[in-house]
Amino acid sequence: MAWEVVAIWLVVAVTLIVFARSEKQREMAALRARARHFATAPAYRHHSLEASHAPRHPYVPMGLAPSDRLFLEDLARRRKR
């Protein structure tokens, strides 16, 4: 009877240890994958200062679209009421 209780606790202990190790390995694999992504993704590559100061597209003011103008006029009319 006593050896059965010891055997049950031994199985429980081994199961918990294996589970903890596999969870740690899974977390480390996910961490390695994230690190690999940040190390190799083009979005995280170094950009020189000269390239970052050059404007890519010149700003051209366009004004409001006719539908935007009508919406804002209607909104202003409703606020006055």
PDB file of N, CA and C in Angstrom:
ATOM      1  N   MET A   1       0.827  -1.190   0.000  1.00  0.00           N
ATOM      2  CA  MET A   1       0.000   0.000   0.000  1.00  0.00           C
ATOM      3  C   MET A   1       0.875   1.258   0.000  1.00  0.00           C
ATOM      4  N   ALA A   2       1.910   1.287   0.810  1.00  0.00           N
ATOM      5  CA  ALA A   2       2.769   2.466   0.901  1.00  0.00           C
ATOM      6  C   ALA A   2       3.536   2.670  -0.395  1.00  0.00           C
ATOM      7  N   TRP A   3       3.963   1.578  -1.041  1.00  0.00           N
ATOM      8  CA  TRP A   3       4.717   1.730  -2.285  1.00  0.00           C
ATOM      9  C   TRP A   3       3.821   2.275  -3.394  1.00  0.00           C
ATOM     10  N   GLU A   4       2.500   2.025  -3.325  1.00  0.00           N
ATOM     11  CA  GLU A   4       1.585   2.561  -4.326  1.00  0.00           C
ATOM     12  C   GLU A   4       1.460   4.080  -4.192  1.00  0.00           C
ATOM     13  N   VAL A   5       1.396   4.569  -2.972  1.00  0.00           N
ATOM     14  CA  VAL A   5       1.334   6.017  -2.730  1.00  0.00           C
ATOM     15  C   VAL A   5       2.626   6.676  -3.201  1.00  0.00           C
ATOM     16  N   VAL A   6       3.748   6.031  -2.907  1.00  0.00           N
ATOM     17  CA  VAL A   6       5.037   6.568  -3.354  1.00  0.00           C
ATOM     18  C   VAL A   6       5.086   6.570  -4.881  1.00  0.00           C
ATOM     19  N   ALA A   7       4.596   5.524  -5.506  1.00  0.00           N
ATOM     20  CA  ALA A   7       4.587   5.451  -6.967  1.00  0.00           C
ATOM     21  C   ALA A   7       3.708   6.545  -7.567  1.00  0.00           C
ATOM     22  N   ILE A   8       2.557   6.793  -6.969  1.00  0.00           N
ATOM     23  CA  ILE A   8       1.662   7.846  -7.462  1.00  0.00           C
ATOM     24  C   ILE A   8       2.347   9.202  -7.360  1.00  0.00           C
ATOM     25  N   TRP A   9       2.974   9.482  -6.205  1.00  0.00           N
ATOM     26  CA  TRP A   9       3.657  10.773  -6.042  1.00  0.00           C
ATOM     27  C   TRP A   9       4.858  10.892  -6.976  1.00  0.00           C
ATOM     28  N   LEU A  10       5.505   9.794  -7.249  1.00  0.00           N
ATOM     29  CA  LEU A  10       6.619   9.803  -8.192  1.00  0.00           C
ATOM     30  C   LEU A  10       6.125  10.141  -9.602  1.00  0.00           C
ATOM     31  N   VAL A  11       5.007   9.574 -10.006  1.00  0.00           N
ATOM     32  CA  VAL A  11       4.415   9.882 -11.313  1.00  0.00           C
ATOM     33  C   VAL A  11       3.999  11.346 -11.372  1.00  0.00           C
ATOM     34  N   VAL A  12       3.396  11.842 -10.306  1.00  0.00           N
ATOM     35  CA  VAL A  12       2.988  13.253 -10.268  1.00  0.00           C
ATOM     36  C   VAL A  12       4.201  14.164 -10.371  1.00  0.00           C
ATOM     37  N   ALA A  13       5.254  13.869  -9.638  1.00  0.00           N
ATOM     38  CA  ALA A  13       6.460  14.702  -9.660  1.00  0.00           C
ATOM     39  C   ALA A  13       7.104  14.695 -11.035  1.00  0.00           C
ATOM     40  N   VAL A  14       7.223  13.519 -11.638  1.00  0.00           N
ATOM     41  CA  VAL A  14       7.822  13.435 -12.977  1.00  0.00           C
ATOM     42  C   VAL A  14       6.972  14.189 -13.982  1.00  0.00           C
ATOM     43  N   THR A  15       5.662  14.071 -13.879  1.00  0.00           N
ATOM     44  CA  THR A  15       4.766  14.774 -14.800  1.00  0.00           C
ATOM     45  C   THR A  15       4.921  16.283 -14.666  1.00  0.00           C
ATOM     46  N   LEU A  16       4.983  16.787 -13.440  1.00  0.00           N
ATOM     47  CA  LEU A  16       5.150  18.224 -13.228  1.00  0.00           C
ATOM     48  C   LEU A  16       6.500  18.716 -13.740  1.00  0.00           C
ATOM     49  N   ILE A  17       7.536  17.945 -13.525  1.00  0.00           N
ATOM     50  CA  ILE A  17       8.865  18.345 -13.993  1.00  0.00           C
ATOM     51  C   ILE A  17       8.908  18.376 -15.521  1.00  0.00           C
ATOM     52  N   VAL A  18       8.366  17.358 -16.164  1.00  0.00           N
ATOM     53  CA  VAL A  18       8.349  17.318 -17.631  1.00  0.00           C
ATOM     54  C   VAL A  18       7.511  18.460 -18.180  1.00  0.00           C
ATOM     55  N   PHE A  19       6.384  18.739 -17.555  1.00  0.00           N
ATOM     56  CA  PHE A  19       5.533  19.839 -18.004  1.00  0.00           C
ATOM     57  C   PHE A  19       6.258  21.173 -17.877  1.00  0.00           C
ATOM     58  N   ALA A  20       6.913  21.405 -16.753  1.00  0.00           N
ATOM     59  CA  ALA A  20       7.632  22.671 -16.549  1.00  0.00           C
ATOM     60  C   ALA A  20       8.754  22.833 -17.563  1.00  0.00           C
ATOM     61  N   ARG A  21       9.488  21.761 -17.830  1.00  0.00           N
ATOM     62  CA  ARG A  21      10.582  21.836 -18.809  1.00  0.00           C
ATOM     63  C   ARG A  21      10.048  22.108 -20.210  1.00  0.00           C
ATOM     64  N   SER A  22       8.947  21.461 -20.592  1.00  0.00           N
ATOM     65  CA  SER A  22       8.411  21.670 -21.937  1.00  0.00           C
ATOM     66  C   SER A  22       7.859  23.086 -22.088  1.00  0.00           C
ATOM     67  N   GLU A  23       7.246  23.622 -21.032  1.00  0.00           N
ATOM     68  CA  GLU A  23       6.755  24.999 -21.091  1.00  0.00           C
ATOM     69  C   GLU A  23       7.910  25.987 -21.232  1.00  0.00           C
ATOM     70  N   LYS A  24       8.994  25.744 -20.497  1.00  0.00           N
ATOM     71  CA  LYS A  24      10.154  26.620 -20.600  1.00  0.00           C
ATOM     72  C   LYS A  24      10.764  26.537 -21.993  1.00  0.00           C
ATOM     73  N   GLN A  25      10.834  25.339 -22.565  1.00  0.00           N
ATOM     74  CA  GLN A  25      11.351  25.192 -23.921  1.00  0.00           C
ATOM     75  C   GLN A  25      10.454  25.888 -24.935  1.00  0.00           C
ATOM     76  N   ARG A  26       9.135  25.806 -24.738  1.00  0.00           N
ATOM     77  CA  ARG A  26       8.208  26.465 -25.653  1.00  0.00           C
ATOM     78  C   ARG A  26       8.358  27.975 -25.583  1.00  0.00           C
ATOM     79  N   GLU A  27       8.478  28.518 -24.365  1.00  0.00           N
ATOM     80  CA  GLU A  27       8.670  29.961 -24.199  1.00  0.00           C
ATOM     81  C   GLU A  27       9.981  30.419 -24.811  1.00  0.00           C
ATOM     82  N   MET A  28      11.039  29.634 -24.640  1.00  0.00           N
ATOM     83  CA  MET A  28      12.329  30.004 -25.216  1.00  0.00           C
ATOM     84  C   MET A  28      12.288  29.944 -26.737  1.00  0.00           C
ATOM     85  N   ALA A  29      11.560  28.989 -27.305  1.00  0.00           N
ATOM     86  CA  ALA A  29      11.426  28.911 -28.763  1.00  0.00           C
ATOM     87  C   ALA A  29      10.674  30.131 -29.282  1.00  0.00           C
ATOM     88  N   ALA A  30       9.638  30.547 -28.575  1.00  0.00           N
ATOM     89  CA  ALA A  30       8.894  31.740 -28.982  1.00  0.00           C
ATOM     90  C   ALA A  30       9.769  32.980 -28.859  1.00  0.00           C
ATOM     91  N   LEU A  31      10.561  33.061 -27.805  1.00  0.00           N
ATOM     92  CA  LEU A  31      11.462  34.198 -27.633  1.00  0.00           C
ATOM     93  C   LEU A  31      12.514  34.232 -28.735  1.00  0.00           C
ATOM     94  N   ARG A  32      13.060  33.056 -29.096  1.00  0.00           N
ATOM     95  CA  ARG A  32      14.030  33.006 -30.192  1.00  0.00           C
ATOM     96  C   ARG A  32      13.403  33.421 -31.509  1.00  0.00           C
ATOM     97  N   ALA A  33      12.151  33.023 -31.744  1.00  0.00           N
ATOM     98  CA  ALA A  33      11.465  33.407 -32.982  1.00  0.00           C
ATOM     99  C   ALA A  33      11.244  34.914 -33.026  1.00  0.00           C
ATOM    100  N   ARG A  34      10.838  35.523 -31.904  1.00  0.00           N
ATOM    101  CA  ARG A  34      10.658  36.972 -31.872  1.00  0.00           C
ATOM    102  C   ARG A  34      11.984  37.691 -32.079  1.00  0.00           C
ATOM    103  N   ALA A  35      13.047  37.188 -31.443  1.00  0.00           N
ATOM    104  CA  ALA A  35      14.362  37.807 -31.604  1.00  0.00           C
ATOM    105  C   ALA A  35      14.832  37.695 -33.049  1.00  0.00           C
ATOM    106  N   ARG A  36      14.599  36.559 -33.682  1.00  0.00           N
ATOM    107  CA  ARG A  36      14.975  36.381 -35.079  1.00  0.00           C
ATOM    108  C   ARG A  36      14.202  37.358 -35.963  1.00  0.00           C
ATOM    109  N   HIS A  37      12.924  37.560 -35.660  1.00  0.00           N
ATOM    110  CA  HIS A  37      12.116  38.496 -36.441  1.00  0.00           C
ATOM    111  C   HIS A  37      12.665  39.919 -36.309  1.00  0.00           C
ATOM    112  N   PHE A  38      12.931  40.355 -35.086  1.00  0.00           N
ATOM    113  CA  PHE A  38      13.420  41.713 -34.888  1.00  0.00           C
ATOM    114  C   PHE A  38      14.835  41.889 -35.428  1.00  0.00           C
ATOM    115  N   ALA A  39      15.602  40.819 -35.510  1.00  0.00           N
ATOM    116  CA  ALA A  39      16.968  40.923 -36.018  1.00  0.00           C
ATOM    117  C   ALA A  39      17.010  40.946 -37.540  1.00  0.00           C
ATOM    118  N   THR A  40      16.012  40.367 -38.209  1.00  0.00           N
ATOM    119  CA  THR A  40      16.083  40.229 -39.661  1.00  0.00           C
ATOM    120  C   THR A  40      14.999  40.973 -40.420  1.00  0.00           C
ATOM    121  N   ALA A  41      13.973  41.471 -39.768  1.00  0.00           N
ATOM    122  CA  ALA A  41      12.880  42.142 -40.479  1.00  0.00           C
ATOM    123  C   ALA A  41      13.346  43.480 -41.040  1.00  0.00           C
ATOM    124  N   PRO A  42      12.947  43.815 -42.268  1.00  0.00           N
ATOM    125  CA  PRO A  42      13.379  45.079 -42.865  1.00  0.00           C
ATOM    126  C   PRO A  42      12.901  46.305 -42.101  1.00  0.00           C
ATOM    127  N   ALA A  43      11.785  46.218 -41.431  1.00  0.00           N
ATOM    128  CA  ALA A  43      11.258  47.375 -40.712  1.00  0.00           C
ATOM    129  C   ALA A  43      12.156  47.792 -39.559  1.00  0.00           C
ATOM    130  N   TYR A  44      12.986  46.882 -39.049  1.00  0.00           N
ATOM    131  CA  TYR A  44      13.812  47.186 -37.889  1.00  0.00           C
ATOM    132  C   TYR A  44      15.283  47.389 -38.254  1.00  0.00           C
ATOM    133  N   ARG A  45      15.583  47.492 -39.555  1.00  0.00           N
ATOM    134  CA  ARG A  45      16.962  47.721 -39.968  1.00  0.00           C
ATOM    135  C   ARG A  45      17.353  49.160 -39.710  1.00  0.00           C
ATOM    136  N   HIS A  46      18.632  49.369 -39.552  1.00  0.00           N
ATOM    137  CA  HIS A  46      19.153  50.716 -39.286  1.00  0.00           C
ATOM    138  C   HIS A  46      19.034  51.575 -40.538  1.00  0.00           C
ATOM    139  N   HIS A  47      18.578  52.804 -40.359  1.00  0.00           N
ATOM    140  CA  HIS A  47      18.504  53.774 -41.445  1.00  0.00           C
ATOM    141  C   HIS A  47      19.428  54.925 -41.096  1.00  0.00           C
ATOM    142  N   SER A  48      20.178  55.371 -42.081  1.00  0.00           N
ATOM    143  CA  SER A  48      21.103  56.470 -41.818  1.00  0.00           C
ATOM    144  C   SER A  48      20.328  57.768 -41.616  1.00  0.00           C
ATOM    145  N   LEU A  49      20.944  58.732 -40.959  1.00  0.00           N
ATOM    146  CA  LEU A  49      20.279  59.997 -40.672  1.00  0.00           C
ATOM    147  C   LEU A  49      20.012  60.785 -41.945  1.00  0.00           C
ATOM    148  N   GLU A  50      20.901  60.710 -42.923  1.00  0.00           N
ATOM    149  CA  GLU A  50      20.704  61.463 -44.160  1.00  0.00           C
ATOM    150  C   GLU A  50      19.429  61.028 -44.872  1.00  0.00           C
ATOM    151  N   ALA A  51      19.165  59.747 -44.876  1.00  0.00           N
ATOM    152  CA  ALA A  51      17.979  59.242 -45.561  1.00  0.00           C
ATOM    153  C   ALA A  51      16.704  59.620 -44.810  1.00  0.00           C
ATOM    154  N   SER A  52      16.771  59.719 -43.490  1.00  0.00           N
ATOM    155  CA  SER A  52      15.552  60.012 -42.734  1.00  0.00           C
ATOM    156  C   SER A  52      15.165  61.486 -42.808  1.00  0.00           C
ATOM    157  N   HIS A  53      16.128  62.392 -43.109  1.00  0.00           N
ATOM    158  CA  HIS A  53      15.807  63.806 -43.177  1.00  0.00           C
ATOM    159  C   HIS A  53      15.310  64.241 -44.556  1.00  0.00           C
ATOM    160  N   ALA A  54      15.530  63.438 -45.539  1.00  0.00           N
ATOM    161  CA  ALA A  54      15.087  63.804 -46.890  1.00  0.00           C
ATOM    162  C   ALA A  54      13.578  63.584 -46.989  1.00  0.00           C
ATOM    163  N   PRO A  55      12.833  64.601 -47.456  1.00  0.00           N
ATOM    164  CA  PRO A  55      11.384  64.402 -47.608  1.00  0.00           C
ATOM    165  C   PRO A  55      11.104  63.426 -48.748  1.00  0.00           C
ATOM    166  N   ARG A  56      10.207  62.517 -48.504  1.00  0.00           N
ATOM    167  CA  ARG A  56       9.902  61.516 -49.524  1.00  0.00           C
ATOM    168  C   ARG A  56       8.873  62.032 -50.523  1.00  0.00           C
ATOM    169  N   HIS A  57       7.859  62.695 -50.027  1.00  0.00           N
ATOM    170  CA  HIS A  57       6.817  63.230 -50.897  1.00  0.00           C
ATOM    171  C   HIS A  57       6.591  64.693 -50.515  1.00  0.00           C
ATOM    172  N   PRO A  58       6.624  65.570 -51.477  1.00  0.00           N
ATOM    173  CA  PRO A  58       6.373  66.971 -51.123  1.00  0.00           C
ATOM    174  C   PRO A  58       4.910  67.164 -50.707  1.00  0.00           C
ATOM    175  N   TYR A  59       4.704  68.033 -49.733  1.00  0.00           N
ATOM    176  CA  TYR A  59       3.357  68.305 -49.245  1.00  0.00           C
ATOM    177  C   TYR A  59       2.680  69.292 -50.188  1.00  0.00           C
ATOM    178  N   VAL A  60       1.526  68.924 -50.684  1.00  0.00           N
ATOM    179  CA  VAL A  60       0.755  69.791 -51.574  1.00  0.00           C
ATOM    180  C   VAL A  60      -0.615  69.971 -50.936  1.00  0.00           C
ATOM    181  N   PRO A  61      -0.930  71.186 -50.446  1.00  0.00           N
ATOM    182  CA  PRO A  61      -2.255  71.384 -49.849  1.00  0.00           C
ATOM    183  C   PRO A  61      -3.333  71.293 -50.916  1.00  0.00           C
ATOM    184  N   MET A  62      -4.377  70.560 -50.617  1.00  0.00           N
ATOM    185  CA  MET A  62      -5.426  70.326 -51.610  1.00  0.00           C
ATOM    186  C   MET A  62      -6.756  70.973 -51.227  1.00  0.00           C
ATOM    187  N   GLY A  63      -6.988  71.270 -49.976  1.00  0.00           N
ATOM    188  CA  GLY A  63      -8.280  71.798 -49.566  1.00  0.00           C
ATOM    189  C   GLY A  63      -9.262  70.678 -49.288  1.00  0.00           C
ATOM    190  N   LEU A  64     -10.507  71.055 -49.053  1.00  0.00           N
ATOM    191  CA  LEU A  64     -11.535  70.073 -48.741  1.00  0.00           C
ATOM    192  C   LEU A  64     -12.183  69.542 -50.009  1.00  0.00           C
ATOM    193  N   ALA A  65     -12.594  68.294 -49.950  1.00  0.00           N
ATOM    194  CA  ALA A  65     -13.382  67.721 -51.031  1.00  0.00           C
ATOM    195  C   ALA A  65     -14.787  68.308 -50.927  1.00  0.00           C
ATOM    196  N   PRO A  66     -15.505  68.363 -52.043  1.00  0.00           N
ATOM    197  CA  PRO A  66     -16.869  68.919 -51.988  1.00  0.00           C
ATOM    198  C   PRO A  66     -17.777  68.191 -50.992  1.00  0.00           C
ATOM    199  N   SER A  67     -17.659  66.888 -50.902  1.00  0.00           N
ATOM    200  CA  SER A  67     -18.509  66.156 -49.955  1.00  0.00           C
ATOM    201  C   SER A  67     -18.133  66.508 -48.509  1.00  0.00           C
ATOM    202  N   ASP A  68     -16.825  66.697 -48.232  1.00  0.00           N
ATOM    203  CA  ASP A  68     -16.402  67.100 -46.888  1.00  0.00           C
ATOM    204  C   ASP A  68     -16.927  68.490 -46.552  1.00  0.00           C
ATOM    205  N   ARG A  69     -16.879  69.392 -47.526  1.00  0.00           N
ATOM    206  CA  ARG A  69     -17.368  70.753 -47.310  1.00  0.00           C
ATOM    207  C   ARG A  69     -18.865  70.745 -46.994  1.00  0.00           C
ATOM    208  N   LEU A  70     -19.656  69.952 -47.760  1.00  0.00           N
ATOM    209  CA  LEU A  70     -21.096  69.861 -47.501  1.00  0.00           C
ATOM    210  C   LEU A  70     -21.364  69.283 -46.111  1.00  0.00           C
ATOM    211  N   PHE A  71     -20.609  68.292 -45.718  1.00  0.00           N
ATOM    212  CA  PHE A  71     -20.790  67.690 -44.401  1.00  0.00           C
ATOM    213  C   PHE A  71     -20.522  68.708 -43.304  1.00  0.00           C
ATOM    214  N   LEU A  72     -19.424  69.452 -43.420  1.00  0.00           N
ATOM    215  CA  LEU A  72     -19.088  70.433 -42.391  1.00  0.00           C
ATOM    216  C   LEU A  72     -20.097  71.587 -42.349  1.00  0.00           C
ATOM    217  N   GLU A  73     -20.579  72.007 -43.511  1.00  0.00           N
ATOM    218  CA  GLU A  73     -21.605  73.056 -43.531  1.00  0.00           C
ATOM    219  C   GLU A  73     -22.889  72.578 -42.879  1.00  0.00           C
ATOM    220  N   ASP A  74     -23.272  71.332 -43.154  1.00  0.00           N
ATOM    221  CA  ASP A  74     -24.473  70.772 -42.529  1.00  0.00           C
ATOM    222  C   ASP A  74     -24.284  70.645 -41.024  1.00  0.00           C
ATOM    223  N   LEU A  75     -23.109  70.241 -40.601  1.00  0.00           N
ATOM    224  CA  LEU A  75     -22.808  70.127 -39.180  1.00  0.00           C
ATOM    225  C   LEU A  75     -22.877  71.496 -38.503  1.00  0.00           C
ATOM    226  N   ALA A  76     -22.340  72.523 -39.151  1.00  0.00           N
ATOM    227  CA  ALA A  76     -22.385  73.872 -38.583  1.00  0.00           C
ATOM    228  C   ALA A  76     -23.824  74.383 -38.524  1.00  0.00           C
ATOM    229  N   ARG A  77     -24.611  74.083 -39.539  1.00  0.00           N
ATOM    230  CA  ARG A  77     -26.016  74.520 -39.552  1.00  0.00           C
ATOM    231  C   ARG A  77     -26.774  73.857 -38.399  1.00  0.00           C
ATOM    232  N   ARG A  78     -26.524  72.595 -38.142  1.00  0.00           N
ATOM    233  CA  ARG A  78     -27.233  71.884 -37.071  1.00  0.00           C
ATOM    234  C   ARG A  78     -26.826  72.384 -35.704  1.00  0.00           C
ATOM    235  N   ARG A  79     -25.582  72.833 -35.538  1.00  0.00           N
ATOM    236  CA  ARG A  79     -25.131  73.347 -34.241  1.00  0.00           C
ATOM    237  C   ARG A  79     -25.796  74.689 -33.922  1.00  0.00           C
ATOM    238  N   LYS A  80     -26.121  75.452 -34.945  1.00  0.00           N
ATOM    239  CA  LYS A  80     -26.723  76.780 -34.732  1.00  0.00           C
ATOM    240  C   LYS A  80     -28.155  76.651 -34.238  1.00  0.00           C
ATOM    241  N   ARG A  81     -28.809  75.576 -34.553  1.00  0.00           N
ATOM    242  CA  ARG A  81     -30.211  75.416 -34.180  1.00  0.00           C
ATOM    243  C   ARG A  81     -30.395  75.215 -32.731  1.00  0.00           C
TER     244      ARG A  81
END
